[in-house]
Amino acid sequence: MAFLYAAAFVAAYVDYVGKAGEWLADLPLLLVALPFTLPLNLVTNGAFSLSGDETFKIVIAAIFCCALAYGVGALVEFLARKLVRLALQARS
């Protein structure tokens, strides 16, 4: 899951680089980074901004979002394994 999120970040950044300077060129990149920007906007009372030309922030956002996706994927896998184990135990 984290790999797919990283691939989405790379694709969005490549798209941004191809459209740099145009209006809303970084929109796909900003949408992919929403799990990073929303909490930071809450913490900073809306003072946080992110754009495609801020490479350091983009890298931090990618790391954060990939770690989040990894954690959510691990949790989903754990719950699915538990449910399957419970279903198999109830059968026998």
PDB file of N, CA and C in Angstrom:
ATOM      1  N   MET A   1       0.822  -1.186   0.000  1.00  0.00           N
ATOM      2  CA  MET A   1       0.000   0.000   0.000  1.00  0.00           C
ATOM      3  C   MET A   1       0.876   1.264   0.000  1.00  0.00           C
ATOM      4  N   ALA A   2       1.935   1.225   0.790  1.00  0.00           N
ATOM      5  CA  ALA A   2       2.840   2.376   0.855  1.00  0.00           C
ATOM      6  C   ALA A   2       3.547   2.575  -0.478  1.00  0.00           C
ATOM      7  N   PHE A   3       3.872   1.478  -1.157  1.00  0.00           N
ATOM      8  CA  PHE A   3       4.528   1.590  -2.462  1.00  0.00           C
ATOM      9  C   PHE A   3       3.616   2.275  -3.476  1.00  0.00           C
ATOM     10  N   LEU A   4       2.346   1.943  -3.451  1.00  0.00           N
ATOM     11  CA  LEU A   4       1.397   2.584  -4.360  1.00  0.00           C
ATOM     12  C   LEU A   4       1.261   4.075  -4.071  1.00  0.00           C
ATOM     13  N   TYR A   5       1.293   4.425  -2.791  1.00  0.00           N
ATOM     14  CA  TYR A   5       1.222   5.841  -2.415  1.00  0.00           C
ATOM     15  C   TYR A   5       2.470   6.583  -2.884  1.00  0.00           C
ATOM     16  N   ALA A   6       3.633   5.930  -2.741  1.00  0.00           N
ATOM     17  CA  ALA A   6       4.874   6.541  -3.226  1.00  0.00           C
ATOM     18  C   ALA A   6       4.823   6.715  -4.743  1.00  0.00           C
ATOM     19  N   ALA A   7       4.283   5.734  -5.439  1.00  0.00           N
ATOM     20  CA  ALA A   7       4.150   5.836  -6.892  1.00  0.00           C
ATOM     21  C   ALA A   7       3.202   6.977  -7.274  1.00  0.00           C
ATOM     22  N   ALA A   8       2.143   7.167  -6.491  1.00  0.00           N
ATOM     23  CA  ALA A   8       1.224   8.282  -6.753  1.00  0.00           C
ATOM     24  C   ALA A   8       1.923   9.617  -6.550  1.00  0.00           C
ATOM     25  N   PHE A   9       2.766   9.718  -5.526  1.00  0.00           N
ATOM     26  CA  PHE A   9       3.530  10.951  -5.301  1.00  0.00           C
ATOM     27  C   PHE A   9       4.478  11.223  -6.467  1.00  0.00           C
ATOM     28  N   VAL A  10       5.174  10.191  -6.917  1.00  0.00           N
ATOM     29  CA  VAL A  10       6.115  10.368  -8.027  1.00  0.00           C
ATOM     30  C   VAL A  10       5.360  10.792  -9.288  1.00  0.00           C
ATOM     31  N   ALA A  11       4.254  10.143  -9.568  1.00  0.00           N
ATOM     32  CA  ALA A  11       3.473  10.493 -10.763  1.00  0.00           C
ATOM     33  C   ALA A  11       2.949  11.920 -10.677  1.00  0.00           C
ATOM     34  N   ALA A  12       2.457  12.319  -9.500  1.00  0.00           N
ATOM     35  CA  ALA A  12       1.942  13.675  -9.338  1.00  0.00           C
ATOM     36  C   ALA A  12       3.059  14.706  -9.454  1.00  0.00           C
ATOM     37  N   TYR A  13       4.249  14.387  -8.939  1.00  0.00           N
ATOM     38  CA  TYR A  13       5.360  15.330  -9.035  1.00  0.00           C
ATOM     39  C   TYR A  13       5.855  15.453 -10.471  1.00  0.00           C
ATOM     40  N   VAL A  14       5.922  14.344 -11.172  1.00  0.00           N
ATOM     41  CA  VAL A  14       6.320  14.392 -12.593  1.00  0.00           C
ATOM     42  C   VAL A  14       5.304  15.205 -13.385  1.00  0.00           C
ATOM     43  N   ASP A  15       4.029  15.033 -13.086  1.00  0.00           N
ATOM     44  CA  ASP A  15       2.985  15.822 -13.728  1.00  0.00           C
ATOM     45  C   ASP A  15       3.167  17.300 -13.420  1.00  0.00           C
ATOM     46  N   TYR A  16       3.484  17.614 -12.165  1.00  0.00           N
ATOM     47  CA  TYR A  16       3.709  19.015 -11.787  1.00  0.00           C
ATOM     48  C   TYR A  16       4.899  19.606 -12.532  1.00  0.00           C
ATOM     49  N   VAL A  17       5.997  18.863 -12.605  1.00  0.00           N
ATOM     50  CA  VAL A  17       7.194  19.382 -13.280  1.00  0.00           C
ATOM     51  C   VAL A  17       6.891  19.675 -14.742  1.00  0.00           C
ATOM     52  N   GLY A  18       6.067  18.847 -15.365  1.00  0.00           N
ATOM     53  CA  GLY A  18       5.704  19.074 -16.761  1.00  0.00           C
ATOM     54  C   GLY A  18       4.809  20.287 -16.960  1.00  0.00           C
ATOM     55  N   LYS A  19       4.079  20.679 -15.920  1.00  0.00           N
ATOM     56  CA  LYS A  19       3.149  21.800 -16.037  1.00  0.00           C
ATOM     57  C   LYS A  19       3.567  23.004 -15.202  1.00  0.00           C
ATOM     58  N   ALA A  20       4.762  23.002 -14.652  1.00  0.00           N
ATOM     59  CA  ALA A  20       5.206  24.071 -13.746  1.00  0.00           C
ATOM     60  C   ALA A  20       4.989  25.444 -14.372  1.00  0.00           C
ATOM     61  N   GLY A  21       4.470  26.348 -13.602  1.00  0.00           N
ATOM     62  CA  GLY A  21       4.209  27.702 -14.074  1.00  0.00           C
ATOM     63  C   GLY A  21       2.784  27.921 -14.534  1.00  0.00           C
ATOM     64  N   GLU A  22       2.062  26.836 -14.785  1.00  0.00           N
ATOM     65  CA  GLU A  22       0.666  26.960 -15.201  1.00  0.00           C
ATOM     66  C   GLU A  22      -0.230  27.088 -13.966  1.00  0.00           C
ATOM     67  N   TRP A  23      -1.429  27.579 -14.193  1.00  0.00           N
ATOM     68  CA  TRP A  23      -2.389  27.734 -13.116  1.00  0.00           C
ATOM     69  C   TRP A  23      -2.834  26.357 -12.636  1.00  0.00           C
ATOM     70  N   LEU A  24      -2.825  26.127 -11.341  1.00  0.00           N
ATOM     71  CA  LEU A  24      -3.200  24.866 -10.703  1.00  0.00           C
ATOM     72  C   LEU A  24      -2.351  23.680 -11.177  1.00  0.00           C
ATOM     73  N   ALA A  25      -1.107  23.931 -11.506  1.00  0.00           N
ATOM     74  CA  ALA A  25      -0.230  22.859 -11.972  1.00  0.00           C
ATOM     75  C   ALA A  25       0.036  21.837 -10.876  1.00  0.00           C
ATOM     76  N   ASP A  26       0.041  22.291  -9.626  1.00  0.00           N
ATOM     77  CA  ASP A  26       0.354  21.366  -8.536  1.00  0.00           C
ATOM     78  C   ASP A  26      -0.881  20.782  -7.853  1.00  0.00           C
ATOM     79  N   LEU A  27      -2.040  20.926  -8.448  1.00  0.00           N
ATOM     80  CA  LEU A  27      -3.269  20.410  -7.831  1.00  0.00           C
ATOM     81  C   LEU A  27      -3.223  18.902  -7.586  1.00  0.00           C
ATOM     82  N   PRO A  28      -2.815  18.066  -8.558  1.00  0.00           N
ATOM     83  CA  PRO A  28      -2.744  16.623  -8.253  1.00  0.00           C
ATOM     84  C   PRO A  28      -1.779  16.314  -7.103  1.00  0.00           C
ATOM     85  N   LEU A  29      -0.689  17.032  -7.051  1.00  0.00           N
ATOM     86  CA  LEU A  29       0.280  16.838  -5.979  1.00  0.00           C
ATOM     87  C   LEU A  29      -0.318  17.224  -4.626  1.00  0.00           C
ATOM     88  N   LEU A  30      -1.060  18.308  -4.598  1.00  0.00           N
ATOM     89  CA  LEU A  30      -1.687  18.745  -3.349  1.00  0.00           C
ATOM     90  C   LEU A  30      -2.776  17.779  -2.902  1.00  0.00           C
ATOM     91  N   LEU A  31      -3.495  17.194  -3.842  1.00  0.00           N
ATOM     92  CA  LEU A  31      -4.530  16.224  -3.484  1.00  0.00           C
ATOM     93  C   LEU A  31      -3.924  14.939  -2.926  1.00  0.00           C
ATOM     94  N   VAL A  32      -2.799  14.512  -3.486  1.00  0.00           N
ATOM     95  CA  VAL A  32      -2.131  13.316  -2.982  1.00  0.00           C
ATOM     96  C   VAL A  32      -1.585  13.569  -1.578  1.00  0.00           C
ATOM     97  N   ALA A  33      -1.182  14.799  -1.298  1.00  0.00           N
ATOM     98  CA  ALA A  33      -0.580  15.142  -0.008  1.00  0.00           C
ATOM     99  C   ALA A  33      -1.609  15.560   1.052  1.00  0.00           C
ATOM    100  N   LEU A  34      -2.886  15.406   0.788  1.00  0.00           N
ATOM    101  CA  LEU A  34      -3.913  15.829   1.755  1.00  0.00           C
ATOM    102  C   LEU A  34      -3.767  15.207   3.149  1.00  0.00           C
ATOM    103  N   PRO A  35      -3.423  13.925   3.265  1.00  0.00           N
ATOM    104  CA  PRO A  35      -3.253  13.387   4.626  1.00  0.00           C
ATOM    105  C   PRO A  35      -2.138  14.078   5.415  1.00  0.00           C
ATOM    106  N   PHE A  36      -1.246  14.746   4.733  1.00  0.00           N
ATOM    107  CA  PHE A  36      -0.186  15.503   5.398  1.00  0.00           C
ATOM    108  C   PHE A  36      -0.612  16.936   5.671  1.00  0.00           C
ATOM    109  N   THR A  37      -1.254  17.562   4.704  1.00  0.00           N
ATOM    110  CA  THR A  37      -1.565  18.985   4.839  1.00  0.00           C
ATOM    111  C   THR A  37      -2.733  19.258   5.784  1.00  0.00           C
ATOM    112  N   LEU A  38      -3.717  18.375   5.819  1.00  0.00           N
ATOM    113  CA  LEU A  38      -4.872  18.619   6.695  1.00  0.00           C
ATOM    114  C   LEU A  38      -4.489  18.675   8.175  1.00  0.00           C
ATOM    115  N   PRO A  39      -3.743  17.696   8.703  1.00  0.00           N
ATOM    116  CA  PRO A  39      -3.351  17.821  10.115  1.00  0.00           C
ATOM    117  C   PRO A  39      -2.453  19.025  10.383  1.00  0.00           C
ATOM    118  N   LEU A  40      -1.559  19.338   9.457  1.00  0.00           N
ATOM    119  CA  LEU A  40      -0.690  20.489   9.672  1.00  0.00           C
ATOM    120  C   LEU A  40      -1.471  21.793   9.628  1.00  0.00           C
ATOM    121  N   ASN A  41      -2.487  21.868   8.806  1.00  0.00           N
ATOM    122  CA  ASN A  41      -3.344  23.060   8.816  1.00  0.00           C
ATOM    123  C   ASN A  41      -4.079  23.200  10.144  1.00  0.00           C
ATOM    124  N   LEU A  42      -4.500  22.086  10.716  1.00  0.00           N
ATOM    125  CA  LEU A  42      -5.166  22.138  12.018  1.00  0.00           C
ATOM    126  C   LEU A  42      -4.200  22.564  13.121  1.00  0.00           C
ATOM    127  N   VAL A  43      -2.995  22.040  13.076  1.00  0.00           N
ATOM    128  CA  VAL A  43      -2.010  22.351  14.116  1.00  0.00           C
ATOM    129  C   VAL A  43      -1.558  23.809  14.037  1.00  0.00           C
ATOM    130  N   THR A  44      -1.418  24.334  12.819  1.00  0.00           N
ATOM    131  CA  THR A  44      -0.918  25.705  12.652  1.00  0.00           C
ATOM    132  C   THR A  44      -2.039  26.715  12.455  1.00  0.00           C
ATOM    133  N   ASN A  45      -3.265  26.323  12.712  1.00  0.00           N
ATOM    134  CA  ASN A  45      -4.432  27.208  12.530  1.00  0.00           C
ATOM    135  C   ASN A  45      -4.522  27.769  11.122  1.00  0.00           C
ATOM    136  N   GLY A  46      -4.263  26.934  10.135  1.00  0.00           N
ATOM    137  CA  GLY A  46      -4.390  27.323   8.730  1.00  0.00           C
ATOM    138  C   GLY A  46      -3.208  28.058   8.142  1.00  0.00           C
ATOM    139  N   ALA A  47      -2.103  28.140   8.878  1.00  0.00           N
ATOM    140  CA  ALA A  47      -0.943  28.892   8.385  1.00  0.00           C
ATOM    141  C   ALA A  47      -0.006  28.042   7.532  1.00  0.00           C
ATOM    142  N   PHE A  48      -0.253  26.747   7.429  1.00  0.00           N
ATOM    143  CA  PHE A  48       0.635  25.880   6.655  1.00  0.00           C
ATOM    144  C   PHE A  48       0.239  25.932   5.185  1.00  0.00           C
ATOM    145  N   SER A  49       1.229  26.019   4.330  1.00  0.00           N
ATOM    146  CA  SER A  49       0.968  25.984   2.881  1.00  0.00           C
ATOM    147  C   SER A  49       1.937  25.016   2.231  1.00  0.00           C
ATOM    148  N   LEU A  50       1.524  24.479   1.123  1.00  0.00           N
ATOM    149  CA  LEU A  50       2.335  23.525   0.380  1.00  0.00           C
ATOM    150  C   LEU A  50       2.141  23.806  -1.095  1.00  0.00           C
ATOM    151  N   SER A  51       3.229  23.848  -1.824  1.00  0.00           N
ATOM    152  CA  SER A  51       3.136  24.001  -3.277  1.00  0.00           C
ATOM    153  C   SER A  51       4.178  23.097  -3.918  1.00  0.00           C
ATOM    154  N   GLY A  52       4.050  22.909  -5.197  1.00  0.00           N
ATOM    155  CA  GLY A  52       4.924  21.991  -5.913  1.00  0.00           C
ATOM    156  C   GLY A  52       6.380  22.396  -5.936  1.00  0.00           C
ATOM    157  N   ASP A  53       6.668  23.678  -5.787  1.00  0.00           N
ATOM    158  CA  ASP A  53       8.067  24.116  -5.855  1.00  0.00           C
ATOM    159  C   ASP A  53       8.786  24.011  -4.515  1.00  0.00           C
ATOM    160  N   GLU A  54       8.107  23.576  -3.465  1.00  0.00           N
ATOM    161  CA  GLU A  54       8.730  23.379  -2.160  1.00  0.00           C
ATOM    162  C   GLU A  54       9.129  21.907  -2.015  1.00  0.00           C
ATOM    163  N   THR A  55      10.251  21.558  -2.618  1.00  0.00           N
ATOM    164  CA  THR A  55      10.662  20.162  -2.720  1.00  0.00           C
ATOM    165  C   THR A  55      10.836  19.503  -1.357  1.00  0.00           C
ATOM    166  N   PHE A  56      11.430  20.204  -0.397  1.00  0.00           N
ATOM    167  CA  PHE A  56      11.649  19.613   0.924  1.00  0.00           C
ATOM    168  C   PHE A  56      10.319  19.236   1.580  1.00  0.00           C
ATOM    169  N   LYS A  57       9.337  20.112   1.498  1.00  0.00           N
ATOM    170  CA  LYS A  57       8.025  19.815   2.076  1.00  0.00           C
ATOM    171  C   LYS A  57       7.353  18.655   1.344  1.00  0.00           C
ATOM    172  N   ILE A  58       7.556  18.567   0.040  1.00  0.00           N
ATOM    173  CA  ILE A  58       6.976  17.473  -0.738  1.00  0.00           C
ATOM    174  C   ILE A  58       7.584  16.145  -0.305  1.00  0.00           C
ATOM    175  N   VAL A  59       8.895  16.122  -0.098  1.00  0.00           N
ATOM    176  CA  VAL A  59       9.560  14.890   0.346  1.00  0.00           C
ATOM    177  C   VAL A  59       9.062  14.494   1.732  1.00  0.00           C
ATOM    178  N   ILE A  60       8.947  15.460   2.637  1.00  0.00           N
ATOM    179  CA  ILE A  60       8.426  15.169   3.981  1.00  0.00           C
ATOM    180  C   ILE A  60       6.982  14.669   3.891  1.00  0.00           C
ATOM    181  N   ALA A  61       6.184  15.284   3.041  1.00  0.00           N
ATOM    182  CA  ALA A  61       4.794  14.850   2.867  1.00  0.00           C
ATOM    183  C   ALA A  61       4.742  13.423   2.324  1.00  0.00           C
ATOM    184  N   ALA A  62       5.608  13.108   1.382  1.00  0.00           N
ATOM    185  CA  ALA A  62       5.632  11.756   0.811  1.00  0.00           C
ATOM    186  C   ALA A  62       6.016  10.729   1.867  1.00  0.00           C
ATOM    187  N   ILE A  63       7.019  11.043   2.670  1.00  0.00           N
ATOM    188  CA  ILE A  63       7.434  10.118   3.736  1.00  0.00           C
ATOM    189  C   ILE A  63       6.302   9.923   4.743  1.00  0.00           C
ATOM    190  N   PHE A  64       5.668  11.018   5.148  1.00  0.00           N
ATOM    191  CA  PHE A  64       4.569  10.934   6.107  1.00  0.00           C
ATOM    192  C   PHE A  64       3.418  10.100   5.543  1.00  0.00           C
ATOM    193  N   CYS A  65       3.023  10.391   4.316  1.00  0.00           N
ATOM    194  CA  CYS A  65       1.873   9.697   3.724  1.00  0.00           C
ATOM    195  C   CYS A  65       2.173   8.219   3.476  1.00  0.00           C
ATOM    196  N   CYS A  66       3.402   7.898   3.077  1.00  0.00           N
ATOM    197  CA  CYS A  66       3.766   6.495   2.881  1.00  0.00           C
ATOM    198  C   CYS A  66       3.789   5.749   4.209  1.00  0.00           C
ATOM    199  N   ALA A  67       4.288   6.394   5.257  1.00  0.00           N
ATOM    200  CA  ALA A  67       4.278   5.758   6.579  1.00  0.00           C
ATOM    201  C   ALA A  67       2.848   5.553   7.064  1.00  0.00           C
ATOM    202  N   LEU A  68       1.998   6.522   6.820  1.00  0.00           N
ATOM    203  CA  LEU A  68       0.593   6.395   7.190  1.00  0.00           C
ATOM    204  C   LEU A  68      -0.074   5.247   6.423  1.00  0.00           C
ATOM    205  N   ALA A  69       0.195   5.171   5.130  1.00  0.00           N
ATOM    206  CA  ALA A  69      -0.372   4.094   4.315  1.00  0.00           C
ATOM    207  C   ALA A  69       0.153   2.730   4.776  1.00  0.00           C
ATOM    208  N   TYR A  70       1.420   2.663   5.151  1.00  0.00           N
ATOM    209  CA  TYR A  70       1.991   1.419   5.651  1.00  0.00           C
ATOM    210  C   TYR A  70       1.296   1.009   6.949  1.00  0.00           C
ATOM    211  N   GLY A  71       1.112   1.950   7.856  1.00  0.00           N
ATOM    212  CA  GLY A  71       0.451   1.661   9.120  1.00  0.00           C
ATOM    213  C   GLY A  71      -0.989   1.224   8.943  1.00  0.00           C
ATOM    214  N   VAL A  72      -1.709   1.913   8.083  1.00  0.00           N
ATOM    215  CA  VAL A  72      -3.107   1.544   7.822  1.00  0.00           C
ATOM    216  C   VAL A  72      -3.176   0.169   7.158  1.00  0.00           C
ATOM    217  N   GLY A  73      -2.270  -0.088   6.230  1.00  0.00           N
ATOM    218  CA  GLY A  73      -2.230  -1.399   5.582  1.00  0.00           C
ATOM    219  C   GLY A  73      -1.930  -2.516   6.567  1.00  0.00           C
ATOM    220  N   ALA A  74      -1.003  -2.263   7.490  1.00  0.00           N
ATOM    221  CA  ALA A  74      -0.675  -3.267   8.506  1.00  0.00           C
ATOM    222  C   ALA A  74      -1.870  -3.518   9.420  1.00  0.00           C
ATOM    223  N   LEU A  75      -2.578  -2.467   9.780  1.00  0.00           N
ATOM    224  CA  LEU A  75      -3.756  -2.618  10.626  1.00  0.00           C
ATOM    225  C   LEU A  75      -4.861  -3.400   9.909  1.00  0.00           C
ATOM    226  N   VAL A  76      -5.092  -3.099   8.654  1.00  0.00           N
ATOM    227  CA  VAL A  76      -6.110  -3.814   7.876  1.00  0.00           C
ATOM    228  C   VAL A  76      -5.732  -5.289   7.747  1.00  0.00           C
ATOM    229  N   GLU A  77      -4.452  -5.556   7.484  1.00  0.00           N
ATOM    230  CA  GLU A  77      -4.005  -6.950   7.379  1.00  0.00           C
ATOM    231  C   GLU A  77      -4.188  -7.685   8.705  1.00  0.00           C
ATOM    232  N   PHE A  78      -3.832  -7.047   9.809  1.00  0.00           N
ATOM    233  CA  PHE A  78      -3.983  -7.658  11.126  1.00  0.00           C
ATOM    234  C   PHE A  78      -5.445  -7.999  11.404  1.00  0.00           C
ATOM    235  N   LEU A  79      -6.326  -7.046  11.133  1.00  0.00           N
ATOM    236  CA  LEU A  79      -7.753  -7.283  11.378  1.00  0.00           C
ATOM    237  C   LEU A  79      -8.312  -8.370  10.476  1.00  0.00           C
ATOM    238  N   ALA A  80      -7.880  -8.393   9.216  1.00  0.00           N
ATOM    239  CA  ALA A  80      -8.349  -9.429   8.293  1.00  0.00           C
ATOM    240  C   ALA A  80      -7.878 -10.811   8.747  1.00  0.00           C
ATOM    241  N   ARG A  81      -6.628 -10.907   9.188  1.00  0.00           N
ATOM    242  CA  ARG A  81      -6.124 -12.201   9.673  1.00  0.00           C
ATOM    243  C   ARG A  81      -6.871 -12.648  10.923  1.00  0.00           C
ATOM    244  N   LYS A  82      -7.156 -11.707  11.818  1.00  0.00           N
ATOM    245  CA  LYS A  82      -7.916 -12.044  13.025  1.00  0.00           C
ATOM    246  C   LYS A  82      -9.314 -12.561  12.675  1.00  0.00           C
ATOM    247  N   LEU A  83      -9.982 -11.868  11.748  1.00  0.00           N
ATOM    248  CA  LEU A  83     -11.332 -12.287  11.358  1.00  0.00           C
ATOM    249  C   LEU A  83     -11.326 -13.662  10.710  1.00  0.00           C
ATOM    250  N   VAL A  84     -10.356 -13.922   9.849  1.00  0.00           N
ATOM    251  CA  VAL A  84     -10.266 -15.232   9.198  1.00  0.00           C
ATOM    252  C   VAL A  84      -9.986 -16.310  10.235  1.00  0.00           C
ATOM    253  N   ARG A  85      -9.086 -16.020  11.171  1.00  0.00           N
ATOM    254  CA  ARG A  85      -8.762 -16.985  12.221  1.00  0.00           C
ATOM    255  C   ARG A  85      -9.997 -17.283  13.076  1.00  0.00           C
ATOM    256  N   LEU A  86     -10.748 -16.241  13.423  1.00  0.00           N
ATOM    257  CA  LEU A  86     -11.965 -16.450  14.206  1.00  0.00           C
ATOM    258  C   LEU A  86     -13.005 -17.242  13.427  1.00  0.00           C
ATOM    259  N   ALA A  87     -13.131 -16.951  12.147  1.00  0.00           N
ATOM    260  CA  ALA A  87     -14.098 -17.683  11.313  1.00  0.00           C
ATOM    261  C   ALA A  87     -13.709 -19.153  11.189  1.00  0.00           C
ATOM    262  N   LEU A  88     -12.436 -19.437  11.056  1.00  0.00           N
ATOM    263  CA  LEU A  88     -12.002 -20.826  10.945  1.00  0.00           C
ATOM    264  C   LEU A  88     -12.173 -21.564  12.269  1.00  0.00           C
ATOM    265  N   GLN A  89     -11.957 -20.877  13.384  1.00  0.00           N
ATOM    266  CA  GLN A  89     -12.148 -21.508  14.694  1.00  0.00           C
ATOM    267  C   GLN A  89     -13.629 -21.770  14.953  1.00  0.00           C
ATOM    268  N   ALA A  90     -14.487 -20.899  14.522  1.00  0.00           N
ATOM    269  CA  ALA A  90     -15.927 -21.084  14.730  1.00  0.00           C
ATOM    270  C   ALA A  90     -16.453 -22.240  13.891  1.00  0.00           C
ATOM    271  N   ARG A  91     -15.816 -22.516  12.778  1.00  0.00           N
ATOM    272  CA  ARG A  91     -16.223 -23.601  11.889  1.00  0.00           C
ATOM    273  C   ARG A  91     -15.941 -24.971  12.503  1.00  0.00           C
ATOM    274  N   SER A  92     -14.821 -25.073  13.178  1.00  0.00           N
ATOM    275  CA  SER A  92     -14.431 -26.401  13.688  1.00  0.00           C
ATOM    276  C   SER A  92     -14.890 -26.696  15.080  1.00  0.00           C
TER     277      SER A  92
END
